[in-house]
N, C-alpha and C. Protein backbone atom coordinates (compact mmCIF):
# COMPACT_ATOMS: atom_id res chain seq x y z
N MET A 1 -66.74 -36.13 -7.50
CA MET A 1 -65.74 -35.66 -8.44
C MET A 1 -65.73 -34.14 -8.49
N LEU A 2 -66.89 -33.52 -8.54
CA LEU A 2 -66.98 -32.06 -8.56
C LEU A 2 -66.43 -31.48 -7.27
N LEU A 3 -66.72 -32.13 -6.15
CA LEU A 3 -66.22 -31.67 -4.86
C LEU A 3 -64.70 -31.71 -4.82
N GLY A 4 -64.10 -32.76 -5.37
CA GLY A 4 -62.64 -32.87 -5.44
C GLY A 4 -62.03 -31.78 -6.28
N LEU A 5 -62.66 -31.46 -7.41
CA LEU A 5 -62.18 -30.39 -8.27
C LEU A 5 -62.26 -29.05 -7.57
N LEU A 6 -63.38 -28.78 -6.92
CA LEU A 6 -63.54 -27.52 -6.18
C LEU A 6 -62.53 -27.41 -5.04
N ALA A 7 -62.30 -28.49 -4.34
CA ALA A 7 -61.33 -28.46 -3.24
C ALA A 7 -59.93 -28.16 -3.78
N ARG A 8 -59.59 -28.74 -4.92
CA ARG A 8 -58.28 -28.47 -5.52
C ARG A 8 -58.16 -27.01 -5.95
N LEU A 9 -59.21 -26.50 -6.53
CA LEU A 9 -59.19 -25.10 -6.99
C LEU A 9 -59.03 -24.13 -5.84
N PHE A 10 -59.59 -24.46 -4.70
CA PHE A 10 -59.54 -23.55 -3.56
C PHE A 10 -58.46 -23.95 -2.55
N GLY A 11 -57.58 -24.89 -2.92
CA GLY A 11 -56.42 -25.22 -2.12
C GLY A 11 -56.70 -25.98 -0.85
N LYS A 12 -57.79 -26.71 -0.78
CA LYS A 12 -58.13 -27.42 0.45
C LYS A 12 -57.73 -28.89 0.42
N VAL A 13 -57.20 -29.34 -0.70
CA VAL A 13 -56.79 -30.73 -0.79
C VAL A 13 -55.44 -30.88 -0.09
N GLU A 14 -55.36 -31.83 0.79
CA GLU A 14 -54.08 -32.12 1.40
C GLU A 14 -53.69 -33.51 0.97
N LYS A 15 -52.51 -33.62 0.47
CA LYS A 15 -52.02 -34.91 -0.01
C LYS A 15 -50.79 -35.28 0.78
N LYS A 16 -50.77 -36.50 1.27
CA LYS A 16 -49.62 -37.01 2.01
C LYS A 16 -48.64 -37.61 1.01
N VAL A 17 -47.37 -37.25 1.15
CA VAL A 17 -46.36 -37.74 0.23
C VAL A 17 -45.13 -38.17 1.02
N ASN A 18 -44.59 -39.32 0.63
CA ASN A 18 -43.35 -39.82 1.22
C ASN A 18 -42.20 -39.43 0.32
N ILE A 19 -41.26 -38.70 0.88
CA ILE A 19 -40.11 -38.23 0.12
C ILE A 19 -38.85 -38.83 0.72
N THR A 20 -38.04 -39.42 -0.13
CA THR A 20 -36.73 -39.92 0.30
C THR A 20 -35.68 -39.01 -0.29
N MET A 21 -34.81 -38.50 0.58
CA MET A 21 -33.73 -37.61 0.17
C MET A 21 -32.41 -38.34 0.42
N CYS A 22 -31.64 -38.52 -0.66
CA CYS A 22 -30.37 -39.21 -0.53
C CYS A 22 -29.30 -38.50 -1.36
N GLY A 23 -28.08 -38.94 -1.21
CA GLY A 23 -26.94 -38.36 -1.89
C GLY A 23 -25.70 -38.66 -1.06
N LEU A 24 -24.56 -38.28 -1.55
CA LEU A 24 -23.32 -38.53 -0.83
C LEU A 24 -23.30 -37.76 0.49
N ASP A 25 -22.44 -38.21 1.40
CA ASP A 25 -22.26 -37.51 2.66
C ASP A 25 -21.77 -36.08 2.40
N ASN A 26 -22.20 -35.17 3.22
CA ASN A 26 -21.85 -33.74 3.14
C ASN A 26 -22.36 -33.05 1.88
N ALA A 27 -23.37 -33.61 1.24
CA ALA A 27 -23.94 -32.97 0.05
C ALA A 27 -24.86 -31.81 0.42
N GLY A 28 -25.42 -31.82 1.62
CA GLY A 28 -26.30 -30.74 2.06
C GLY A 28 -27.74 -31.17 2.30
N LYS A 29 -27.98 -32.47 2.39
CA LYS A 29 -29.34 -32.98 2.58
C LYS A 29 -29.96 -32.46 3.88
N THR A 30 -29.24 -32.61 4.96
CA THR A 30 -29.75 -32.20 6.27
C THR A 30 -29.92 -30.69 6.34
N SER A 31 -29.02 -29.96 5.72
CA SER A 31 -29.14 -28.49 5.71
C SER A 31 -30.40 -28.05 4.96
N ILE A 32 -30.73 -28.72 3.87
CA ILE A 32 -31.94 -28.40 3.12
C ILE A 32 -33.18 -28.72 3.96
N LEU A 33 -33.18 -29.88 4.59
CA LEU A 33 -34.31 -30.26 5.45
C LEU A 33 -34.45 -29.28 6.61
N SER A 34 -33.34 -28.89 7.18
CA SER A 34 -33.35 -27.92 8.28
C SER A 34 -33.89 -26.57 7.81
N TYR A 35 -33.49 -26.14 6.62
CA TYR A 35 -33.98 -24.87 6.07
C TYR A 35 -35.49 -24.93 5.87
N LEU A 36 -35.98 -26.05 5.37
CA LEU A 36 -37.42 -26.20 5.15
C LEU A 36 -38.20 -26.15 6.46
N SER A 37 -37.66 -26.76 7.51
CA SER A 37 -38.40 -26.81 8.77
C SER A 37 -38.27 -25.52 9.58
N ARG A 38 -37.14 -24.80 9.45
CA ARG A 38 -36.92 -23.59 10.25
C ARG A 38 -37.09 -22.29 9.47
N GLY A 39 -36.96 -22.37 8.13
CA GLY A 39 -37.06 -21.18 7.31
C GLY A 39 -35.79 -20.35 7.27
N GLU A 40 -34.73 -20.90 7.79
CA GLU A 40 -33.44 -20.22 7.77
C GLU A 40 -32.32 -21.24 7.90
N PHE A 41 -31.12 -20.81 7.57
CA PHE A 41 -29.96 -21.70 7.65
C PHE A 41 -29.59 -21.93 9.11
N SER A 42 -29.22 -23.16 9.41
CA SER A 42 -28.64 -23.48 10.72
C SER A 42 -27.61 -24.57 10.51
N SER A 43 -26.57 -24.52 11.31
CA SER A 43 -25.51 -25.53 11.21
C SER A 43 -26.07 -26.90 11.55
N THR A 44 -25.58 -27.91 10.86
CA THR A 44 -26.01 -29.28 11.10
C THR A 44 -24.79 -30.16 11.29
N ILE A 45 -25.03 -31.36 11.78
CA ILE A 45 -23.95 -32.34 11.88
C ILE A 45 -24.23 -33.45 10.88
N THR A 46 -23.21 -34.20 10.56
CA THR A 46 -23.34 -35.29 9.60
C THR A 46 -24.39 -36.29 10.08
N THR A 47 -25.26 -36.69 9.17
CA THR A 47 -26.31 -37.66 9.48
C THR A 47 -25.70 -39.05 9.58
N MET A 48 -25.90 -39.66 10.72
CA MET A 48 -25.48 -41.04 10.94
C MET A 48 -26.74 -41.89 10.98
N GLY A 49 -27.18 -42.33 9.83
CA GLY A 49 -28.41 -43.10 9.75
C GLY A 49 -29.47 -42.33 9.00
N ILE A 50 -30.52 -41.88 9.72
CA ILE A 50 -31.67 -41.24 9.09
C ILE A 50 -32.15 -40.07 9.93
N ASN A 51 -32.49 -38.98 9.25
CA ASN A 51 -33.24 -37.89 9.86
C ASN A 51 -34.64 -37.96 9.28
N TYR A 52 -35.63 -37.68 10.09
CA TYR A 52 -37.01 -37.76 9.65
C TYR A 52 -37.74 -36.49 10.06
N GLU A 53 -38.47 -35.90 9.13
CA GLU A 53 -39.26 -34.70 9.42
C GLU A 53 -40.62 -34.83 8.75
N ASN A 54 -41.66 -34.37 9.43
CA ASN A 54 -42.98 -34.18 8.83
C ASN A 54 -43.12 -32.70 8.59
N LEU A 55 -43.38 -32.31 7.36
CA LEU A 55 -43.49 -30.90 7.00
C LEU A 55 -44.74 -30.68 6.16
N ASN A 56 -45.32 -29.51 6.29
CA ASN A 56 -46.42 -29.11 5.42
C ASN A 56 -45.90 -28.05 4.47
N PHE A 57 -46.20 -28.25 3.21
CA PHE A 57 -45.80 -27.31 2.17
C PHE A 57 -46.97 -27.13 1.25
N GLY A 58 -47.68 -26.04 1.42
CA GLY A 58 -48.91 -25.84 0.65
C GLY A 58 -49.89 -26.95 0.98
N ALA A 59 -50.38 -27.63 -0.03
CA ALA A 59 -51.34 -28.72 0.16
C ALA A 59 -50.66 -30.07 0.37
N LEU A 60 -49.33 -30.05 0.49
CA LEU A 60 -48.61 -31.30 0.71
C LEU A 60 -48.29 -31.51 2.18
N ASN A 61 -48.57 -32.69 2.66
CA ASN A 61 -48.12 -33.12 3.97
C ASN A 61 -46.98 -34.09 3.67
N MET A 62 -45.75 -33.65 3.92
CA MET A 62 -44.58 -34.41 3.50
C MET A 62 -43.93 -35.13 4.67
N SER A 63 -43.68 -36.41 4.48
CA SER A 63 -42.83 -37.18 5.38
C SER A 63 -41.49 -37.31 4.65
N VAL A 64 -40.48 -36.63 5.16
CA VAL A 64 -39.19 -36.60 4.48
C VAL A 64 -38.17 -37.43 5.25
N MET A 65 -37.60 -38.39 4.55
CA MET A 65 -36.53 -39.23 5.10
C MET A 65 -35.21 -38.74 4.50
N ASP A 66 -34.33 -38.25 5.35
CA ASP A 66 -33.01 -37.78 4.96
C ASP A 66 -32.04 -38.90 5.31
N LEU A 67 -31.52 -39.57 4.29
CA LEU A 67 -30.68 -40.75 4.50
C LEU A 67 -29.20 -40.39 4.54
N GLY A 68 -28.50 -40.92 5.52
CA GLY A 68 -27.06 -40.71 5.61
C GLY A 68 -26.37 -41.19 4.35
N GLY A 69 -25.42 -40.41 3.86
CA GLY A 69 -24.79 -40.70 2.57
C GLY A 69 -23.46 -41.42 2.62
N GLN A 70 -22.97 -41.74 3.82
CA GLN A 70 -21.72 -42.48 3.89
C GLN A 70 -21.88 -43.86 3.28
N LYS A 71 -20.80 -44.38 2.75
CA LYS A 71 -20.84 -45.68 2.05
C LYS A 71 -21.48 -46.76 2.92
N THR A 72 -21.19 -46.77 4.22
CA THR A 72 -21.75 -47.81 5.10
C THR A 72 -23.26 -47.72 5.24
N PHE A 73 -23.85 -46.53 5.04
CA PHE A 73 -25.29 -46.37 5.17
C PHE A 73 -26.03 -46.61 3.86
N ARG A 74 -25.35 -46.48 2.73
CA ARG A 74 -26.03 -46.60 1.43
C ARG A 74 -26.67 -47.96 1.22
N GLN A 75 -26.13 -48.99 1.84
CA GLN A 75 -26.70 -50.33 1.68
C GLN A 75 -28.10 -50.44 2.28
N PHE A 76 -28.48 -49.48 3.12
CA PHE A 76 -29.80 -49.50 3.75
C PHE A 76 -30.82 -48.61 3.04
N TRP A 77 -30.43 -47.95 1.97
CA TRP A 77 -31.32 -47.03 1.26
C TRP A 77 -32.50 -47.71 0.58
N SER A 78 -32.30 -48.92 0.13
CA SER A 78 -33.26 -49.61 -0.74
C SER A 78 -34.71 -49.49 -0.29
N GLY A 79 -35.02 -49.90 0.91
CA GLY A 79 -36.41 -49.90 1.39
C GLY A 79 -37.02 -48.52 1.43
N TYR A 80 -36.23 -47.53 1.80
CA TYR A 80 -36.74 -46.16 1.87
C TYR A 80 -37.02 -45.60 0.48
N ILE A 81 -36.14 -45.89 -0.46
CA ILE A 81 -36.34 -45.42 -1.83
C ILE A 81 -37.56 -46.11 -2.45
N GLN A 82 -37.73 -47.40 -2.17
CA GLN A 82 -38.87 -48.14 -2.73
C GLN A 82 -40.21 -47.63 -2.22
N GLN A 83 -40.24 -47.03 -1.03
CA GLN A 83 -41.49 -46.52 -0.46
C GLN A 83 -41.77 -45.06 -0.83
N ALA A 84 -40.85 -44.44 -1.54
CA ALA A 84 -40.96 -43.00 -1.83
C ALA A 84 -41.95 -42.71 -2.94
N ASN A 85 -42.69 -41.62 -2.77
CA ASN A 85 -43.52 -41.06 -3.85
C ASN A 85 -42.71 -40.10 -4.69
N VAL A 86 -41.63 -39.57 -4.09
CA VAL A 86 -40.69 -38.67 -4.76
C VAL A 86 -39.30 -39.00 -4.24
N LEU A 87 -38.34 -39.05 -5.16
CA LEU A 87 -36.95 -39.23 -4.77
C LEU A 87 -36.21 -37.92 -5.00
N ILE A 88 -35.54 -37.45 -3.95
CA ILE A 88 -34.68 -36.28 -4.08
C ILE A 88 -33.24 -36.77 -3.96
N PHE A 89 -32.44 -36.47 -4.97
CA PHE A 89 -31.02 -36.79 -4.91
C PHE A 89 -30.28 -35.46 -4.80
N VAL A 90 -29.47 -35.34 -3.77
CA VAL A 90 -28.75 -34.10 -3.50
C VAL A 90 -27.29 -34.28 -3.90
N VAL A 91 -26.80 -33.33 -4.71
CA VAL A 91 -25.42 -33.37 -5.16
C VAL A 91 -24.74 -32.05 -4.80
N ASP A 92 -23.58 -32.16 -4.21
CA ASP A 92 -22.78 -30.99 -3.84
C ASP A 92 -22.14 -30.45 -5.12
N SER A 93 -22.67 -29.36 -5.64
CA SER A 93 -22.17 -28.83 -6.91
C SER A 93 -20.83 -28.14 -6.78
N SER A 94 -20.32 -28.01 -5.55
CA SER A 94 -19.00 -27.41 -5.35
C SER A 94 -17.91 -28.46 -5.20
N ASP A 95 -18.29 -29.74 -5.18
CA ASP A 95 -17.33 -30.84 -4.99
C ASP A 95 -17.13 -31.59 -6.30
N SER A 96 -16.40 -30.98 -7.21
CA SER A 96 -16.22 -31.57 -8.54
C SER A 96 -15.44 -32.89 -8.49
N THR A 97 -14.65 -33.10 -7.45
CA THR A 97 -13.87 -34.34 -7.36
C THR A 97 -14.75 -35.56 -7.10
N ARG A 98 -15.96 -35.36 -6.56
CA ARG A 98 -16.82 -36.51 -6.27
C ARG A 98 -18.05 -36.59 -7.17
N LEU A 99 -18.09 -35.80 -8.25
CA LEU A 99 -19.25 -35.84 -9.14
C LEU A 99 -19.42 -37.21 -9.80
N SER A 100 -18.33 -37.83 -10.19
CA SER A 100 -18.42 -39.15 -10.83
C SER A 100 -18.99 -40.18 -9.85
N LEU A 101 -18.53 -40.14 -8.60
CA LEU A 101 -19.07 -41.04 -7.58
C LEU A 101 -20.54 -40.73 -7.34
N ALA A 102 -20.89 -39.45 -7.25
CA ALA A 102 -22.29 -39.07 -7.04
C ALA A 102 -23.17 -39.60 -8.17
N LYS A 103 -22.69 -39.48 -9.39
CA LYS A 103 -23.43 -40.00 -10.55
C LYS A 103 -23.64 -41.51 -10.43
N ASP A 104 -22.59 -42.24 -10.06
CA ASP A 104 -22.71 -43.70 -9.91
C ASP A 104 -23.71 -44.07 -8.82
N VAL A 105 -23.67 -43.38 -7.71
CA VAL A 105 -24.59 -43.64 -6.60
C VAL A 105 -26.02 -43.31 -7.02
N PHE A 106 -26.19 -42.22 -7.75
CA PHE A 106 -27.50 -41.82 -8.27
C PHE A 106 -28.09 -42.91 -9.16
N TYR A 107 -27.32 -43.36 -10.15
CA TYR A 107 -27.84 -44.38 -11.07
C TYR A 107 -28.08 -45.71 -10.37
N ASN A 108 -27.27 -46.05 -9.40
CA ASN A 108 -27.52 -47.27 -8.62
C ASN A 108 -28.86 -47.15 -7.90
N ALA A 109 -29.11 -45.99 -7.30
CA ALA A 109 -30.36 -45.79 -6.56
C ALA A 109 -31.57 -45.86 -7.48
N ILE A 110 -31.52 -45.16 -8.61
CA ILE A 110 -32.73 -45.14 -9.45
C ILE A 110 -32.92 -46.41 -10.26
N ASN A 111 -31.83 -47.04 -10.68
CA ASN A 111 -31.96 -48.26 -11.48
C ASN A 111 -32.31 -49.49 -10.66
N ASN A 112 -31.90 -49.52 -9.40
CA ASN A 112 -32.10 -50.71 -8.59
C ASN A 112 -33.19 -50.60 -7.53
N HIS A 113 -33.62 -49.39 -7.20
CA HIS A 113 -34.55 -49.25 -6.08
C HIS A 113 -35.76 -48.36 -6.35
N CYS A 114 -35.73 -47.56 -7.37
CA CYS A 114 -36.75 -46.54 -7.60
C CYS A 114 -37.68 -46.93 -8.75
N ALA A 115 -38.97 -46.94 -8.47
CA ALA A 115 -39.95 -47.29 -9.51
C ALA A 115 -39.89 -46.25 -10.64
N PRO A 116 -40.12 -46.68 -11.88
CA PRO A 116 -40.01 -45.78 -13.03
C PRO A 116 -40.97 -44.60 -13.03
N ASP A 117 -42.09 -44.71 -12.30
CA ASP A 117 -43.06 -43.61 -12.29
C ASP A 117 -42.85 -42.62 -11.15
N VAL A 118 -41.83 -42.82 -10.34
CA VAL A 118 -41.55 -41.91 -9.22
C VAL A 118 -40.79 -40.68 -9.74
N PRO A 119 -41.34 -39.48 -9.49
CA PRO A 119 -40.62 -38.27 -9.90
C PRO A 119 -39.28 -38.14 -9.17
N ILE A 120 -38.29 -37.64 -9.88
CA ILE A 120 -36.95 -37.47 -9.32
C ILE A 120 -36.57 -36.00 -9.38
N LEU A 121 -36.16 -35.50 -8.24
CA LEU A 121 -35.69 -34.12 -8.13
C LEU A 121 -34.22 -34.17 -7.74
N ILE A 122 -33.37 -33.58 -8.56
CA ILE A 122 -31.95 -33.50 -8.24
C ILE A 122 -31.67 -32.07 -7.78
N LEU A 123 -31.18 -31.95 -6.55
CA LEU A 123 -30.85 -30.64 -6.01
C LEU A 123 -29.34 -30.42 -6.10
N ALA A 124 -28.95 -29.42 -6.86
CA ALA A 124 -27.55 -29.04 -7.00
C ALA A 124 -27.27 -28.01 -5.91
N THR A 125 -26.77 -28.48 -4.78
CA THR A 125 -26.59 -27.63 -3.61
C THR A 125 -25.29 -26.84 -3.66
N LYS A 126 -25.22 -25.94 -2.71
CA LYS A 126 -24.02 -25.11 -2.48
C LYS A 126 -23.69 -24.23 -3.67
N GLN A 127 -24.73 -23.78 -4.36
CA GLN A 127 -24.57 -22.90 -5.51
C GLN A 127 -24.01 -21.54 -5.10
N ASP A 128 -24.05 -21.23 -3.81
CA ASP A 128 -23.52 -19.96 -3.32
C ASP A 128 -21.99 -19.96 -3.20
N LEU A 129 -21.38 -21.13 -3.33
CA LEU A 129 -19.93 -21.23 -3.18
C LEU A 129 -19.20 -20.95 -4.49
N PRO A 130 -18.03 -20.32 -4.40
CA PRO A 130 -17.24 -20.08 -5.62
C PRO A 130 -16.86 -21.41 -6.27
N GLY A 131 -16.93 -21.45 -7.56
CA GLY A 131 -16.54 -22.66 -8.29
C GLY A 131 -17.61 -23.73 -8.37
N ALA A 132 -18.81 -23.44 -7.90
CA ALA A 132 -19.89 -24.42 -8.00
C ALA A 132 -20.19 -24.70 -9.47
N CYS A 133 -20.43 -25.95 -9.78
CA CYS A 133 -20.72 -26.36 -11.15
C CYS A 133 -22.08 -25.82 -11.59
N SER A 134 -22.18 -25.46 -12.84
CA SER A 134 -23.44 -24.96 -13.39
C SER A 134 -24.42 -26.12 -13.58
N LEU A 135 -25.69 -25.78 -13.71
CA LEU A 135 -26.70 -26.81 -13.95
C LEU A 135 -26.46 -27.52 -15.28
N SER A 136 -26.05 -26.76 -16.30
CA SER A 136 -25.81 -27.39 -17.61
C SER A 136 -24.67 -28.40 -17.52
N TYR A 137 -23.64 -28.07 -16.74
CA TYR A 137 -22.52 -29.01 -16.58
C TYR A 137 -22.99 -30.26 -15.83
N LEU A 138 -23.76 -30.08 -14.76
CA LEU A 138 -24.26 -31.23 -14.00
C LEU A 138 -25.20 -32.08 -14.86
N PHE A 139 -26.03 -31.43 -15.67
CA PHE A 139 -26.93 -32.14 -16.57
C PHE A 139 -26.13 -33.06 -17.49
N GLU A 140 -25.02 -32.53 -17.98
CA GLU A 140 -24.15 -33.31 -18.87
C GLU A 140 -23.42 -34.43 -18.12
N VAL A 141 -22.82 -34.11 -16.98
CA VAL A 141 -22.08 -35.11 -16.20
C VAL A 141 -23.00 -36.27 -15.79
N PHE A 142 -24.22 -35.93 -15.36
CA PHE A 142 -25.17 -36.96 -14.92
C PHE A 142 -25.91 -37.62 -16.09
N GLN A 143 -25.62 -37.18 -17.30
CA GLN A 143 -26.22 -37.75 -18.51
C GLN A 143 -27.74 -37.86 -18.38
N LEU A 144 -28.36 -36.76 -18.01
CA LEU A 144 -29.79 -36.78 -17.72
C LEU A 144 -30.65 -36.96 -18.96
N THR A 145 -30.09 -36.77 -20.15
CA THR A 145 -30.87 -37.04 -21.36
C THR A 145 -31.20 -38.53 -21.46
N ARG A 146 -30.41 -39.38 -20.79
CA ARG A 146 -30.69 -40.82 -20.76
C ARG A 146 -32.01 -41.13 -20.06
N LEU A 147 -32.49 -40.19 -19.25
CA LEU A 147 -33.67 -40.43 -18.43
C LEU A 147 -34.92 -39.75 -19.01
N TYR A 148 -34.97 -39.62 -20.33
CA TYR A 148 -36.06 -38.90 -20.99
C TYR A 148 -37.43 -39.47 -20.65
N ALA A 149 -37.53 -40.74 -20.31
CA ALA A 149 -38.82 -41.36 -20.02
C ALA A 149 -39.29 -41.12 -18.59
N ARG A 150 -38.46 -40.52 -17.77
CA ARG A 150 -38.80 -40.29 -16.36
C ARG A 150 -39.18 -38.83 -16.14
N THR A 151 -39.93 -38.58 -15.08
CA THR A 151 -40.21 -37.22 -14.64
C THR A 151 -39.05 -36.79 -13.76
N ILE A 152 -38.27 -35.83 -14.23
CA ILE A 152 -37.05 -35.45 -13.53
C ILE A 152 -36.83 -33.94 -13.63
N HIS A 153 -36.26 -33.38 -12.57
CA HIS A 153 -35.99 -31.95 -12.55
C HIS A 153 -34.67 -31.71 -11.82
N LEU A 154 -33.86 -30.82 -12.36
CA LEU A 154 -32.59 -30.41 -11.76
C LEU A 154 -32.75 -28.98 -11.29
N GLN A 155 -32.49 -28.73 -10.00
CA GLN A 155 -32.71 -27.41 -9.41
C GLN A 155 -31.47 -26.94 -8.66
N ALA A 156 -31.01 -25.73 -8.96
CA ALA A 156 -29.91 -25.11 -8.21
C ALA A 156 -30.44 -24.66 -6.86
N THR A 157 -29.69 -24.94 -5.79
CA THR A 157 -30.12 -24.54 -4.45
C THR A 157 -28.94 -24.10 -3.59
N SER A 158 -29.29 -23.43 -2.52
CA SER A 158 -28.33 -23.08 -1.47
C SER A 158 -29.08 -23.08 -0.15
N ALA A 159 -28.66 -23.91 0.79
CA ALA A 159 -29.30 -23.94 2.11
C ALA A 159 -28.88 -22.72 2.94
N LYS A 160 -27.78 -22.09 2.58
CA LYS A 160 -27.35 -20.88 3.31
C LYS A 160 -28.22 -19.69 2.96
N THR A 161 -28.55 -19.54 1.68
CA THR A 161 -29.34 -18.38 1.24
C THR A 161 -30.81 -18.72 1.06
N GLY A 162 -31.12 -20.00 0.92
CA GLY A 162 -32.48 -20.44 0.65
C GLY A 162 -32.83 -20.44 -0.82
N ASP A 163 -31.93 -19.96 -1.66
CA ASP A 163 -32.20 -19.90 -3.10
C ASP A 163 -32.55 -21.28 -3.65
N GLY A 164 -33.65 -21.35 -4.38
CA GLY A 164 -34.05 -22.55 -5.09
C GLY A 164 -34.76 -23.61 -4.27
N ILE A 165 -34.74 -23.52 -2.95
CA ILE A 165 -35.33 -24.58 -2.13
C ILE A 165 -36.86 -24.59 -2.27
N TYR A 166 -37.49 -23.45 -2.10
CA TYR A 166 -38.95 -23.42 -2.22
C TYR A 166 -39.39 -23.73 -3.64
N GLU A 167 -38.63 -23.28 -4.64
CA GLU A 167 -38.95 -23.60 -6.03
C GLU A 167 -38.92 -25.10 -6.26
N ALA A 168 -37.95 -25.77 -5.65
CA ALA A 168 -37.83 -27.22 -5.79
C ALA A 168 -39.06 -27.93 -5.22
N PHE A 169 -39.52 -27.47 -4.07
CA PHE A 169 -40.67 -28.12 -3.45
C PHE A 169 -41.98 -27.72 -4.13
N HIS A 170 -42.01 -26.59 -4.79
CA HIS A 170 -43.15 -26.26 -5.65
C HIS A 170 -43.20 -27.24 -6.82
N TRP A 171 -42.04 -27.61 -7.35
CA TRP A 171 -41.99 -28.59 -8.44
C TRP A 171 -42.59 -29.91 -7.96
N ILE A 172 -42.22 -30.32 -6.75
CA ILE A 172 -42.79 -31.55 -6.19
C ILE A 172 -44.31 -31.43 -6.10
N SER A 173 -44.78 -30.33 -5.55
CA SER A 173 -46.22 -30.11 -5.41
C SER A 173 -46.91 -30.17 -6.77
N ASP A 174 -46.33 -29.53 -7.77
CA ASP A 174 -46.93 -29.54 -9.11
C ASP A 174 -46.97 -30.93 -9.71
N ASN A 175 -45.99 -31.77 -9.39
CA ASN A 175 -45.94 -33.11 -9.99
C ASN A 175 -46.68 -34.16 -9.18
N ILE A 176 -46.99 -33.86 -7.93
CA ILE A 176 -47.76 -34.81 -7.12
C ILE A 176 -49.24 -34.47 -7.12
N ILE A 177 -49.55 -33.20 -6.94
CA ILE A 177 -50.94 -32.77 -6.88
C ILE A 177 -51.48 -32.45 -8.26
N GLY A 178 -50.62 -31.87 -9.10
CA GLY A 178 -51.02 -31.58 -10.47
C GLY A 178 -51.57 -30.27 -10.60
């Protein structure tokens, strides 16, 4: 026990975590994953199925599953969400016309496939674009006060600038490692 505490204090603990990243198509999931693996923005193509990356972030060894968000692929999300230690839901904050659909998909995922003790991180992407919705507006639209019993965090991000991405994964680290 003392050895575990000392290892944590000195940053030598490595914890493996399974992360499932989902959201509507074109929300920015693959761009975020690409930014994390390359450290800079790069153009991506629409995910048809699943992208998978193993990444190290501090003391976390992350296996990240980036699930395609098209309606035809959402039916396959269940097993991946059920195996997740952390669920990341990505919402395009510049696409106000699909926020209601994104909210419905989000609640379907967490109510039907996600264990109640799994931390949820909502990434409000594309914050660099004009007209992007504020976090307070997204908090209200997604009715996040309904989820008071869950560990949940809403983070503004941009895969083009990198803003908020590392902060989001620090939140994961804080909630998994403690």
